[in-house]
Amino acid sequence: GDTMFTPEVMARCYQLVDAAAKVSGLDKVSARRVNMLYLGLKQMELAMKVQKVYRKCQAGAPLSEFYKAYAELQEFRKVLEPTFLTDMGRLYYYDNLAWLKPIREKKYLLKKK
């Protein structure tokens, strides 16, 4: 995700969502849809931040950096969860596969040997 959704692409996505939010006469359903897009972008932005930090940890950065970025993502998900916009169980499942399980198994240390 973080190689496809570059900061420039994400900035443009936010510009489009902001423009949509400012359209006069938005009905409630449309306003909720715009908010849904914003929340999705924010989720993606924070997940990409975690992925970037994870890669740095694989290269030797302290794991505390990963845990800080992951905690920020988890705090945001507390806002996201009550909206029912995404399957939180699936998100946590993929977090575990991509980041948490390899860290527990210390696979990130293999590159150091």
PDB file of N, CA and C in Angstrom:
ATOM      1  N   GLY A   1       0.773  -1.200   0.000  1.00  0.00           N
ATOM      2  CA  GLY A   1       0.000   0.000   0.000  1.00  0.00           C
ATOM      3  C   GLY A   1       0.817   1.268   0.000  1.00  0.00           C
ATOM      4  N   ASP A   2       1.908   1.338   0.787  1.00  0.00           N
ATOM      5  CA  ASP A   2       2.601   2.611   0.912  1.00  0.00           C
ATOM      6  C   ASP A   2       3.434   2.954  -0.314  1.00  0.00           C
ATOM      7  N   THR A   3       3.621   2.006  -1.230  1.00  0.00           N
ATOM      8  CA  THR A   3       4.314   2.336  -2.465  1.00  0.00           C
ATOM      9  C   THR A   3       3.342   2.771  -3.550  1.00  0.00           C
ATOM     10  N   MET A   4       2.109   2.313  -3.460  1.00  0.00           N
ATOM     11  CA  MET A   4       1.095   2.706  -4.426  1.00  0.00           C
ATOM     12  C   MET A   4       0.400   3.997  -3.987  1.00  0.00           C
ATOM     13  N   PHE A   5       0.065   4.078  -2.707  1.00  0.00           N
ATOM     14  CA  PHE A   5      -0.607   5.254  -2.174  1.00  0.00           C
ATOM     15  C   PHE A   5       0.450   6.178  -1.568  1.00  0.00           C
ATOM     16  N   THR A   6       1.168   6.844  -2.455  1.00  0.00           N
ATOM     17  CA  THR A   6       2.241   7.745  -2.036  1.00  0.00           C
ATOM     18  C   THR A   6       1.650   8.939  -1.287  1.00  0.00           C
ATOM     19  N   PRO A   7       2.477   9.700  -0.588  1.00  0.00           N
ATOM     20  CA  PRO A   7       1.961  10.900   0.079  1.00  0.00           C
ATOM     21  C   PRO A   7       1.232  11.842  -0.892  1.00  0.00           C
ATOM     22  N   GLU A   8       1.724  11.922  -2.124  1.00  0.00           N
ATOM     23  CA  GLU A   8       1.075  12.780  -3.117  1.00  0.00           C
ATOM     24  C   GLU A   8      -0.316  12.260  -3.486  1.00  0.00           C
ATOM     25  N   VAL A   9      -0.411  10.960  -3.665  1.00  0.00           N
ATOM     26  CA  VAL A   9      -1.708  10.349  -3.987  1.00  0.00           C
ATOM     27  C   VAL A   9      -2.676  10.530  -2.812  1.00  0.00           C
ATOM     28  N   MET A  10      -2.188  10.297  -1.604  1.00  0.00           N
ATOM     29  CA  MET A  10      -3.049  10.459  -0.427  1.00  0.00           C
ATOM     30  C   MET A  10      -3.497  11.910  -0.269  1.00  0.00           C
ATOM     31  N   ALA A  11      -2.589  12.854  -0.515  1.00  0.00           N
ATOM     32  CA  ALA A  11      -2.959  14.270  -0.418  1.00  0.00           C
ATOM     33  C   ALA A  11      -4.064  14.600  -1.413  1.00  0.00           C
ATOM     34  N   ARG A  12      -3.957  14.069  -2.611  1.00  0.00           N
ATOM     35  CA  ARG A  12      -4.996  14.306  -3.627  1.00  0.00           C
ATOM     36  C   ARG A  12      -6.318  13.665  -3.197  1.00  0.00           C
ATOM     37  N   CYS A  13      -6.264  12.484  -2.636  1.00  0.00           N
ATOM     38  CA  CYS A  13      -7.485  11.824  -2.146  1.00  0.00           C
ATOM     39  C   CYS A  13      -8.158  12.676  -1.062  1.00  0.00           C
ATOM     40  N   TYR A  14      -7.355  13.183  -0.135  1.00  0.00           N
ATOM     41  CA  TYR A  14      -7.913  14.049   0.910  1.00  0.00           C
ATOM     42  C   TYR A  14      -8.509  15.321   0.312  1.00  0.00           C
ATOM     43  N   GLN A  15      -7.860  15.887  -0.714  1.00  0.00           N
ATOM     44  CA  GLN A  15      -8.398  17.078  -1.369  1.00  0.00           C
ATOM     45  C   GLN A  15      -9.777  16.787  -1.961  1.00  0.00           C
ATOM     46  N   LEU A  16      -9.903  15.648  -2.605  1.00  0.00           N
ATOM     47  CA  LEU A  16     -11.183  15.279  -3.218  1.00  0.00           C
ATOM     48  C   LEU A  16     -12.277  15.078  -2.164  1.00  0.00           C
ATOM     49  N   VAL A  17     -11.925  14.420  -1.069  1.00  0.00           N
ATOM     50  CA  VAL A  17     -12.901  14.199   0.006  1.00  0.00           C
ATOM     51  C   VAL A  17     -13.283  15.525   0.652  1.00  0.00           C
ATOM     52  N   ASP A  18     -12.296  16.388   0.868  1.00  0.00           N
ATOM     53  CA  ASP A  18     -12.592  17.711   1.434  1.00  0.00           C
ATOM     54  C   ASP A  18     -13.510  18.506   0.514  1.00  0.00           C
ATOM     55  N   ALA A  19     -13.250  18.442  -0.786  1.00  0.00           N
ATOM     56  CA  ALA A  19     -14.105  19.147  -1.743  1.00  0.00           C
ATOM     57  C   ALA A  19     -15.521  18.585  -1.720  1.00  0.00           C
ATOM     58  N   ALA A  20     -15.632  17.279  -1.630  1.00  0.00           N
ATOM     59  CA  ALA A  20     -16.961  16.657  -1.573  1.00  0.00           C
ATOM     60  C   ALA A  20     -17.708  17.078  -0.309  1.00  0.00           C
ATOM     61  N   ALA A  21     -16.985  17.185   0.788  1.00  0.00           N
ATOM     62  CA  ALA A  21     -17.617  17.578   2.059  1.00  0.00           C
ATOM     63  C   ALA A  21     -18.140  19.011   2.011  1.00  0.00           C
ATOM     64  N   LYS A  22     -17.542  19.839   1.151  1.00  0.00           N
ATOM     65  CA  LYS A  22     -17.930  21.247   1.072  1.00  0.00           C
ATOM     66  C   LYS A  22     -19.044  21.527   0.057  1.00  0.00           C
ATOM     67  N   VAL A  23     -19.485  20.504  -0.640  1.00  0.00           N
ATOM     68  CA  VAL A  23     -20.559  20.688  -1.616  1.00  0.00           C
ATOM     69  C   VAL A  23     -21.813  21.136  -0.871  1.00  0.00           C
ATOM     70  N   SER A  24     -22.387  22.211  -1.345  1.00  0.00           N
ATOM     71  CA  SER A  24     -23.586  22.714  -0.661  1.00  0.00           C
ATOM     72  C   SER A  24     -24.776  21.803  -0.937  1.00  0.00           C
ATOM     73  N   GLY A  25     -25.616  21.697   0.051  1.00  0.00           N
ATOM     74  CA  GLY A  25     -26.839  20.916  -0.089  1.00  0.00           C
ATOM     75  C   GLY A  25     -26.665  19.414   0.020  1.00  0.00           C
ATOM     76  N   LEU A  26     -25.569  18.951   0.619  1.00  0.00           N
ATOM     77  CA  LEU A  26     -25.401  17.505   0.797  1.00  0.00           C
ATOM     78  C   LEU A  26     -26.503  16.967   1.700  1.00  0.00           C
ATOM     79  N   ASP A  27     -27.136  15.895   1.267  1.00  0.00           N
ATOM     80  CA  ASP A  27     -28.125  15.260   2.142  1.00  0.00           C
ATOM     81  C   ASP A  27     -27.388  14.405   3.170  1.00  0.00           C
ATOM     82  N   LYS A  28     -28.115  13.888   4.141  1.00  0.00           N
ATOM     83  CA  LYS A  28     -27.493  13.132   5.238  1.00  0.00           C
ATOM     84  C   LYS A  28     -26.759  11.887   4.737  1.00  0.00           C
ATOM     85  N   VAL A  29     -27.348  11.205   3.783  1.00  0.00           N
ATOM     86  CA  VAL A  29     -26.723   9.983   3.269  1.00  0.00           C
ATOM     87  C   VAL A  29     -25.408  10.322   2.570  1.00  0.00           C
ATOM     88  N   SER A  30     -25.424  11.353   1.754  1.00  0.00           N
ATOM     89  CA  SER A  30     -24.201  11.744   1.043  1.00  0.00           C
ATOM     90  C   SER A  30     -23.129  12.204   2.022  1.00  0.00           C
ATOM     91  N   ALA A  31     -23.519  12.949   3.044  1.00  0.00           N
ATOM     92  CA  ALA A  31     -22.567  13.412   4.054  1.00  0.00           C
ATOM     93  C   ALA A  31     -21.948  12.223   4.782  1.00  0.00           C
ATOM     94  N   ARG A  32     -22.747  11.215   5.070  1.00  0.00           N
ATOM     95  CA  ARG A  32     -22.220  10.019   5.736  1.00  0.00           C
ATOM     96  C   ARG A  32     -21.256   9.269   4.819  1.00  0.00           C
ATOM     97  N   ARG A  33     -21.555   9.253   3.538  1.00  0.00           N
ATOM     98  CA  ARG A  33     -20.670   8.581   2.584  1.00  0.00           C
ATOM     99  C   ARG A  33     -19.327   9.302   2.470  1.00  0.00           C
ATOM    100  N   VAL A  34     -19.369  10.622   2.469  1.00  0.00           N
ATOM    101  CA  VAL A  34     -18.126  11.393   2.434  1.00  0.00           C
ATOM    102  C   VAL A  34     -17.317  11.113   3.694  1.00  0.00           C
ATOM    103  N   ASN A  35     -17.983  11.080   4.836  1.00  0.00           N
ATOM    104  CA  ASN A  35     -17.295  10.772   6.084  1.00  0.00           C
ATOM    105  C   ASN A  35     -16.693   9.365   6.046  1.00  0.00           C
ATOM    106  N   MET A  36     -17.413   8.431   5.449  1.00  0.00           N
ATOM    107  CA  MET A  36     -16.912   7.068   5.302  1.00  0.00           C
ATOM    108  C   MET A  36     -15.615   7.068   4.491  1.00  0.00           C
ATOM    109  N   LEU A  37     -15.575   7.857   3.423  1.00  0.00           N
ATOM    110  CA  LEU A  37     -14.365   7.946   2.613  1.00  0.00           C
ATOM    111  C   LEU A  37     -13.208   8.536   3.418  1.00  0.00           C
ATOM    112  N   TYR A  38     -13.499   9.570   4.198  1.00  0.00           N
ATOM    113  CA  TYR A  38     -12.466  10.174   5.036  1.00  0.00           C
ATOM    114  C   TYR A  38     -11.904   9.146   6.025  1.00  0.00           C
ATOM    115  N   LEU A  39     -12.794   8.424   6.698  1.00  0.00           N
ATOM    116  CA  LEU A  39     -12.348   7.433   7.676  1.00  0.00           C
ATOM    117  C   LEU A  39     -11.510   6.340   7.014  1.00  0.00           C
ATOM    118  N   GLY A  40     -11.908   5.929   5.823  1.00  0.00           N
ATOM    119  CA  GLY A  40     -11.140   4.922   5.084  1.00  0.00           C
ATOM    120  C   GLY A  40      -9.750   5.425   4.723  1.00  0.00           C
ATOM    121  N   LEU A  41      -9.668   6.679   4.306  1.00  0.00           N
ATOM    122  CA  LEU A  41      -8.361   7.260   3.989  1.00  0.00           C
ATOM    123  C   LEU A  41      -7.469   7.334   5.219  1.00  0.00           C
ATOM    124  N   LYS A  42      -8.063   7.745   6.326  1.00  0.00           N
ATOM    125  CA  LYS A  42      -7.294   7.856   7.563  1.00  0.00           C
ATOM    126  C   LYS A  42      -6.781   6.485   8.004  1.00  0.00           C
ATOM    127  N   GLN A  43      -7.628   5.470   7.913  1.00  0.00           N
ATOM    128  CA  GLN A  43      -7.227   4.095   8.242  1.00  0.00           C
ATOM    129  C   GLN A  43      -6.051   3.679   7.365  1.00  0.00           C
ATOM    130  N   MET A  44      -6.149   3.957   6.065  1.00  0.00           N
ATOM    131  CA  MET A  44      -5.085   3.589   5.125  1.00  0.00           C
ATOM    132  C   MET A  44      -3.797   4.342   5.459  1.00  0.00           C
ATOM    133  N   GLU A  45      -3.908   5.625   5.736  1.00  0.00           N
ATOM    134  CA  GLU A  45      -2.738   6.440   6.057  1.00  0.00           C
ATOM    135  C   GLU A  45      -2.002   5.892   7.287  1.00  0.00           C
ATOM    136  N   LEU A  46      -2.745   5.571   8.326  1.00  0.00           N
ATOM    137  CA  LEU A  46      -2.129   5.063   9.548  1.00  0.00           C
ATOM    138  C   LEU A  46      -1.560   3.658   9.351  1.00  0.00           C
ATOM    139  N   ALA A  47      -2.246   2.818   8.589  1.00  0.00           N
ATOM    140  CA  ALA A  47      -1.732   1.469   8.312  1.00  0.00           C
ATOM    141  C   ALA A  47      -0.440   1.541   7.496  1.00  0.00           C
ATOM    142  N   MET A  48      -0.385   2.461   6.548  1.00  0.00           N
ATOM    143  CA  MET A  48       0.842   2.613   5.754  1.00  0.00           C
ATOM    144  C   MET A  48       1.993   3.112   6.628  1.00  0.00           C
ATOM    145  N   LYS A  49       1.681   3.974   7.583  1.00  0.00           N
ATOM    146  CA  LYS A  49       2.706   4.450   8.511  1.00  0.00           C
ATOM    147  C   LYS A  49       3.268   3.273   9.318  1.00  0.00           C
ATOM    148  N   VAL A  50       2.376   2.405   9.783  1.00  0.00           N
ATOM    149  CA  VAL A  50       2.823   1.221  10.526  1.00  0.00           C
ATOM    150  C   VAL A  50       3.710   0.349   9.640  1.00  0.00           C
ATOM    151  N   GLN A  51       3.311   0.148   8.393  1.00  0.00           N
ATOM    152  CA  GLN A  51       4.102  -0.689   7.484  1.00  0.00           C
ATOM    153  C   GLN A  51       5.492  -0.107   7.257  1.00  0.00           C
ATOM    154  N   LYS A  52       5.569   1.199   7.072  1.00  0.00           N
ATOM    155  CA  LYS A  52       6.876   1.833   6.869  1.00  0.00           C
ATOM    156  C   LYS A  52       7.770   1.650   8.102  1.00  0.00           C
ATOM    157  N   VAL A  53       7.205   1.845   9.272  1.00  0.00           N
ATOM    158  CA  VAL A  53       7.975   1.694  10.501  1.00  0.00           C
ATOM    159  C   VAL A  53       8.377   0.224  10.691  1.00  0.00           C
ATOM    160  N   TYR A  54       7.477  -0.680  10.352  1.00  0.00           N
ATOM    161  CA  TYR A  54       7.787  -2.115  10.448  1.00  0.00           C
ATOM    162  C   TYR A  54       9.014  -2.452   9.606  1.00  0.00           C
ATOM    163  N   ARG A  55       9.058  -1.915   8.385  1.00  0.00           N
ATOM    164  CA  ARG A  55      10.216  -2.166   7.526  1.00  0.00           C
ATOM    165  C   ARG A  55      11.506  -1.613   8.147  1.00  0.00           C
ATOM    166  N   LYS A  56      11.390  -0.439   8.777  1.00  0.00           N
ATOM    167  CA  LYS A  56      12.562   0.133   9.439  1.00  0.00           C
ATOM    168  C   LYS A  56      13.027  -0.773  10.579  1.00  0.00           C
ATOM    169  N   CYS A  57      12.069  -1.343  11.292  1.00  0.00           N
ATOM    170  CA  CYS A  57      12.420  -2.258  12.387  1.00  0.00           C
ATOM    171  C   CYS A  57      13.094  -3.513  11.859  1.00  0.00           C
ATOM    172  N   GLN A  58      12.642  -3.983  10.709  1.00  0.00           N
ATOM    173  CA  GLN A  58      13.299  -5.132  10.098  1.00  0.00           C
ATOM    174  C   GLN A  58      14.757  -4.813   9.774  1.00  0.00           C
ATOM    175  N   ALA A  59      15.027  -3.551   9.501  1.00  0.00           N
ATOM    176  CA  ALA A  59      16.384  -3.126   9.159  1.00  0.00           C
ATOM    177  C   ALA A  59      17.193  -2.719  10.386  1.00  0.00           C
ATOM    178  N   GLY A  60      16.576  -2.827  11.581  1.00  0.00           N
ATOM    179  CA  GLY A  60      17.333  -2.575  12.791  1.00  0.00           C
ATOM    180  C   GLY A  60      16.840  -1.459  13.688  1.00  0.00           C
ATOM    181  N   ALA A  61      15.827  -0.718  13.269  1.00  0.00           N
ATOM    182  CA  ALA A  61      15.282   0.342  14.134  1.00  0.00           C
ATOM    183  C   ALA A  61      14.646  -0.294  15.367  1.00  0.00           C
ATOM    184  N   PRO A  62      14.558   0.452  16.459  1.00  0.00           N
ATOM    185  CA  PRO A  62      13.962  -0.110  17.682  1.00  0.00           C
ATOM    186  C   PRO A  62      12.483  -0.457  17.497  1.00  0.00           C
ATOM    187  N   LEU A  63      12.087  -1.582  18.050  1.00  0.00           N
ATOM    188  CA  LEU A  63      10.690  -2.010  17.962  1.00  0.00           C
ATOM    189  C   LEU A  63       9.738  -1.027  18.638  1.00  0.00           C
ATOM    190  N   SER A  64      10.238  -0.211  19.543  1.00  0.00           N
ATOM    191  CA  SER A  64       9.382   0.776  20.200  1.00  0.00           C
ATOM    192  C   SER A  64       8.744   1.706  19.176  1.00  0.00           C
ATOM    193  N   GLU A  65       9.438   1.963  18.064  1.00  0.00           N
ATOM    194  CA  GLU A  65       8.870   2.802  17.008  1.00  0.00           C
ATOM    195  C   GLU A  65       7.655   2.123  16.380  1.00  0.00           C
ATOM    196  N   PHE A  66       7.762   0.810  16.169  1.00  0.00           N
ATOM    197  CA  PHE A  66       6.622   0.067  15.623  1.00  0.00           C
ATOM    198  C   PHE A  66       5.443   0.128  16.591  1.00  0.00           C
ATOM    199  N   TYR A  67       5.699  -0.153  17.851  1.00  0.00           N
ATOM    200  CA  TYR A  67       4.606  -0.186  18.825  1.00  0.00           C
ATOM    201  C   TYR A  67       3.930   1.178  18.971  1.00  0.00           C
ATOM    202  N   LYS A  68       4.689   2.240  18.829  1.00  0.00           N
ATOM    203  CA  LYS A  68       4.109   3.586  18.889  1.00  0.00           C
ATOM    204  C   LYS A  68       3.175   3.824  17.694  1.00  0.00           C
ATOM    205  N   ALA A  69       3.638   3.490  16.496  1.00  0.00           N
ATOM    206  CA  ALA A  69       2.816   3.665  15.289  1.00  0.00           C
ATOM    207  C   ALA A  69       1.589   2.754  15.337  1.00  0.00           C
ATOM    208  N   TYR A  70       1.774   1.527  15.801  1.00  0.00           N
ATOM    209  CA  TYR A  70       0.650   0.591  15.871  1.00  0.00           C
ATOM    210  C   TYR A  70      -0.378   1.055  16.903  1.00  0.00           C
ATOM    211  N   ALA A  71       0.086   1.613  18.005  1.00  0.00           N
ATOM    212  CA  ALA A  71      -0.840   2.137  19.024  1.00  0.00           C
ATOM    213  C   ALA A  71      -1.670   3.283  18.460  1.00  0.00           C
ATOM    214  N   GLU A  72      -1.056   4.119  17.635  1.00  0.00           N
ATOM    215  CA  GLU A  72      -1.794   5.213  17.005  1.00  0.00           C
ATOM    216  C   GLU A  72      -2.888   4.666  16.088  1.00  0.00           C
ATOM    217  N   LEU A  73      -2.567   3.634  15.328  1.00  0.00           N
ATOM    218  CA  LEU A  73      -3.559   2.986  14.468  1.00  0.00           C
ATOM    219  C   LEU A  73      -4.690   2.403  15.306  1.00  0.00           C
ATOM    220  N   GLN A  74      -4.353   1.748  16.399  1.00  0.00           N
ATOM    221  CA  GLN A  74      -5.374   1.152  17.260  1.00  0.00           C
ATOM    222  C   GLN A  74      -6.279   2.206  17.884  1.00  0.00           C
ATOM    223  N   GLU A  75      -5.724   3.338  18.263  1.00  0.00           N
ATOM    224  CA  GLU A  75      -6.538   4.422  18.819  1.00  0.00           C
ATOM    225  C   GLU A  75      -7.533   4.920  17.779  1.00  0.00           C
ATOM    226  N   PHE A  76      -7.081   5.059  16.543  1.00  0.00           N
ATOM    227  CA  PHE A  76      -7.998   5.488  15.489  1.00  0.00           C
ATOM    228  C   PHE A  76      -9.087   4.444  15.266  1.00  0.00           C
ATOM    229  N   ARG A  77      -8.734   3.197  15.325  1.00  0.00           N
ATOM    230  CA  ARG A  77      -9.725   2.141  15.093  1.00  0.00           C
ATOM    231  C   ARG A  77     -10.829   2.141  16.153  1.00  0.00           C
ATOM    232  N   LYS A  78     -10.544   2.687  17.325  1.00  0.00           N
ATOM    233  CA  LYS A  78     -11.596   2.828  18.334  1.00  0.00           C
ATOM    234  C   LYS A  78     -12.676   3.780  17.853  1.00  0.00           C
ATOM    235  N   VAL A  79     -12.294   4.749  17.044  1.00  0.00           N
ATOM    236  CA  VAL A  79     -13.260   5.672  16.433  1.00  0.00           C
ATOM    237  C   VAL A  79     -13.962   4.986  15.271  1.00  0.00           C
ATOM    238  N   LEU A  80     -13.224   4.214  14.525  1.00  0.00           N
ATOM    239  CA  LEU A  80     -13.748   3.553  13.330  1.00  0.00           C
ATOM    240  C   LEU A  80     -14.724   2.422  13.660  1.00  0.00           C
ATOM    241  N   GLU A  81     -14.431   1.666  14.700  1.00  0.00           N
ATOM    242  CA  GLU A  81     -15.204   0.457  14.997  1.00  0.00           C
ATOM    243  C   GLU A  81     -16.710   0.690  15.150  1.00  0.00           C
ATOM    244  N   PRO A  82     -17.159   1.697  15.901  1.00  0.00           N
ATOM    245  CA  PRO A  82     -18.602   1.863  16.071  1.00  0.00           C
ATOM    246  C   PRO A  82     -19.353   2.255  14.795  1.00  0.00           C
ATOM    247  N   THR A  83     -18.616   2.614  13.747  1.00  0.00           N
ATOM    248  CA  THR A  83     -19.274   2.995  12.495  1.00  0.00           C
ATOM    249  C   THR A  83     -19.692   1.780  11.671  1.00  0.00           C
ATOM    250  N   PHE A  84     -19.129   0.613  11.975  1.00  0.00           N
ATOM    251  CA  PHE A  84     -19.391  -0.637  11.240  1.00  0.00           C
ATOM    252  C   PHE A  84     -19.026  -0.520   9.759  1.00  0.00           C
ATOM    253  N   LEU A  85     -18.051   0.331   9.451  1.00  0.00           N
ATOM    254  CA  LEU A  85     -17.638   0.509   8.060  1.00  0.00           C
ATOM    255  C   LEU A  85     -16.694  -0.576   7.579  1.00  0.00           C
ATOM    256  N   THR A  86     -16.112  -1.296   8.498  1.00  0.00           N
ATOM    257  CA  THR A  86     -15.157  -2.334   8.112  1.00  0.00           C
ATOM    258  C   THR A  86     -15.239  -3.496   9.093  1.00  0.00           C
ATOM    259  N   ASP A  87     -14.726  -4.605   8.685  1.00  0.00           N
ATOM    260  CA  ASP A  87     -14.691  -5.800   9.519  1.00  0.00           C
ATOM    261  C   ASP A  87     -13.449  -5.731  10.394  1.00  0.00           C
ATOM    262  N   MET A  88     -13.625  -5.312  11.632  1.00  0.00           N
ATOM    263  CA  MET A  88     -12.495  -5.129  12.534  1.00  0.00           C
ATOM    264  C   MET A  88     -11.748  -6.436  12.782  1.00  0.00           C
ATOM    265  N   GLY A  89     -12.468  -7.526  12.868  1.00  0.00           N
ATOM    266  CA  GLY A  89     -11.824  -8.819  13.066  1.00  0.00           C
ATOM    267  C   GLY A  89     -10.861  -9.147  11.944  1.00  0.00           C
ATOM    268  N   ARG A  90     -11.276  -8.831  10.731  1.00  0.00           N
ATOM    269  CA  ARG A  90     -10.406  -9.080   9.580  1.00  0.00           C
ATOM    270  C   ARG A  90      -9.166  -8.182   9.628  1.00  0.00           C
ATOM    271  N   LEU A  91      -9.355  -6.921  10.015  1.00  0.00           N
ATOM    272  CA  LEU A  91      -8.207  -6.020  10.133  1.00  0.00           C
ATOM    273  C   LEU A  91      -7.196  -6.564  11.134  1.00  0.00           C
ATOM    274  N   TYR A  92      -7.679  -6.984  12.299  1.00  0.00           N
ATOM    275  CA  TYR A  92      -6.775  -7.519  13.322  1.00  0.00           C
ATOM    276  C   TYR A  92      -6.126  -8.824  12.863  1.00  0.00           C
ATOM    277  N   TYR A  93      -6.870  -9.617  12.116  1.00  0.00           N
ATOM    278  CA  TYR A  93      -6.314 -10.863  11.573  1.00  0.00           C
ATOM    279  C   TYR A  93      -5.114 -10.552  10.670  1.00  0.00           C
ATOM    280  N   TYR A  94      -5.296  -9.587   9.770  1.00  0.00           N
ATOM    281  CA  TYR A  94      -4.206  -9.235   8.857  1.00  0.00           C
ATOM    282  C   TYR A  94      -3.065  -8.508   9.571  1.00  0.00           C
ATOM    283  N   ASP A  95      -3.393  -7.717  10.596  1.00  0.00           N
ATOM    284  CA  ASP A  95      -2.325  -7.122  11.418  1.00  0.00           C
ATOM    285  C   ASP A  95      -1.452  -8.225  11.988  1.00  0.00           C
ATOM    286  N   ASN A  96      -2.107  -9.248  12.497  1.00  0.00           N
ATOM    287  CA  ASN A  96      -1.377 -10.356  13.106  1.00  0.00           C
ATOM    288  C   ASN A  96      -0.484 -11.058  12.082  1.00  0.00           C
ATOM    289  N   LEU A  97      -1.027 -11.324  10.904  1.00  0.00           N
ATOM    290  CA  LEU A  97      -0.236 -12.008   9.872  1.00  0.00           C
ATOM    291  C   LEU A  97       0.932 -11.161   9.389  1.00  0.00           C
ATOM    292  N   ALA A  98       0.679  -9.878   9.163  1.00  0.00           N
ATOM    293  CA  ALA A  98       1.686  -9.021   8.549  1.00  0.00           C
ATOM    294  C   ALA A  98       2.734  -8.517   9.531  1.00  0.00           C
ATOM    295  N   TRP A  99       2.324  -8.214  10.760  1.00  0.00           N
ATOM    296  CA  TRP A  99       3.234  -7.531  11.678  1.00  0.00           C
ATOM    297  C   TRP A  99       3.447  -8.266  13.002  1.00  0.00           C
ATOM    298  N   LEU A 100       2.365  -8.591  13.667  1.00  0.00           N
ATOM    299  CA  LEU A 100       2.478  -9.049  15.049  1.00  0.00           C
ATOM    300  C   LEU A 100       3.076 -10.440  15.179  1.00  0.00           C
ATOM    301  N   LYS A 101       2.607 -11.370  14.363  1.00  0.00           N
ATOM    302  CA  LYS A 101       3.144 -12.731  14.431  1.00  0.00           C
ATOM    303  C   LYS A 101       4.628 -12.764  14.062  1.00  0.00           C
ATOM    304  N   PRO A 102       5.037 -12.118  12.965  1.00  0.00           N
ATOM    305  CA  PRO A 102       6.476 -12.120  12.664  1.00  0.00           C
ATOM    306  C   PRO A 102       7.324 -11.494  13.772  1.00  0.00           C
ATOM    307  N   ILE A 103       6.792 -10.452  14.408  1.00  0.00           N
ATOM    308  CA  ILE A 103       7.544  -9.844  15.512  1.00  0.00           C
ATOM    309  C   ILE A 103       7.643 -10.830  16.667  1.00  0.00           C
ATOM    310  N   ARG A 104       6.518 -11.477  17.004  1.00  0.00           N
ATOM    311  CA  ARG A 104       6.549 -12.465  18.090  1.00  0.00           C
ATOM    312  C   ARG A 104       7.538 -13.578  17.786  1.00  0.00           C
ATOM    313  N   GLU A 105       7.585 -13.972  16.531  1.00  0.00           N
ATOM    314  CA  GLU A 105       8.485 -15.057  16.142  1.00  0.00           C
ATOM    315  C   GLU A 105       9.898 -14.551  15.849  1.00  0.00           C
ATOM    316  N   LYS A 106      10.070 -13.246  15.983  1.00  0.00           N
ATOM    317  CA  LYS A 106      11.366 -12.587  15.791  1.00  0.00           C
ATOM    318  C   LYS A 106      11.917 -12.781  14.387  1.00  0.00           C
ATOM    319  N   LYS A 107      11.029 -12.910  13.419  1.00  0.00           N
ATOM    320  CA  LYS A 107      11.488 -13.026  12.041  1.00  0.00           C
ATOM    321  C   LYS A 107      12.161 -11.744  11.567  1.00  0.00           C
ATOM    322  N   TYR A 108      11.793 -10.629  12.194  1.00  0.00           N
ATOM    323  CA  TYR A 108      12.413  -9.366  11.791  1.00  0.00           C
ATOM    324  C   TYR A 108      13.902  -9.349  12.093  1.00  0.00           C
ATOM    325  N   LEU A 109      14.380 -10.254  12.937  1.00  0.00           N
ATOM    326  CA  LEU A 109      15.801 -10.306  13.279  1.00  0.00           C
ATOM    327  C   LEU A 109      16.615 -11.118  12.277  1.00  0.00           C
ATOM    328  N   LEU A 110      15.942 -11.861  11.408  1.00  0.00           N
ATOM    329  CA  LEU A 110      16.662 -12.733  10.487  1.00  0.00           C
ATOM    330  C   LEU A 110      17.616 -11.960   9.586  1.00  0.00           C
ATOM    331  N   LYS A 111      17.276 -10.741   9.235  1.00  0.00           N
ATOM    332  CA  LYS A 111      18.130  -9.960   8.341  1.00  0.00           C
ATOM    333  C   LYS A 111      19.421  -9.539   9.023  1.00  0.00           C
ATOM    334  N   LYS A 112      19.445  -9.542  10.347  1.00  0.00           N
ATOM    335  CA  LYS A 112      20.638  -9.120  11.071  1.00  0.00           C
ATOM    336  C   LYS A 112      21.704 -10.204  11.132  1.00  0.00           C
ATOM    337  N   LYS A 113      21.306 -11.451  10.944  1.00  0.00           N
ATOM    338  CA  LYS A 113      22.241 -12.573  11.099  1.00  0.00           C
ATOM    339  C   LYS A 113      23.093 -12.775   9.879  1.00  0.00           C
TER     340      LYS A 113
END
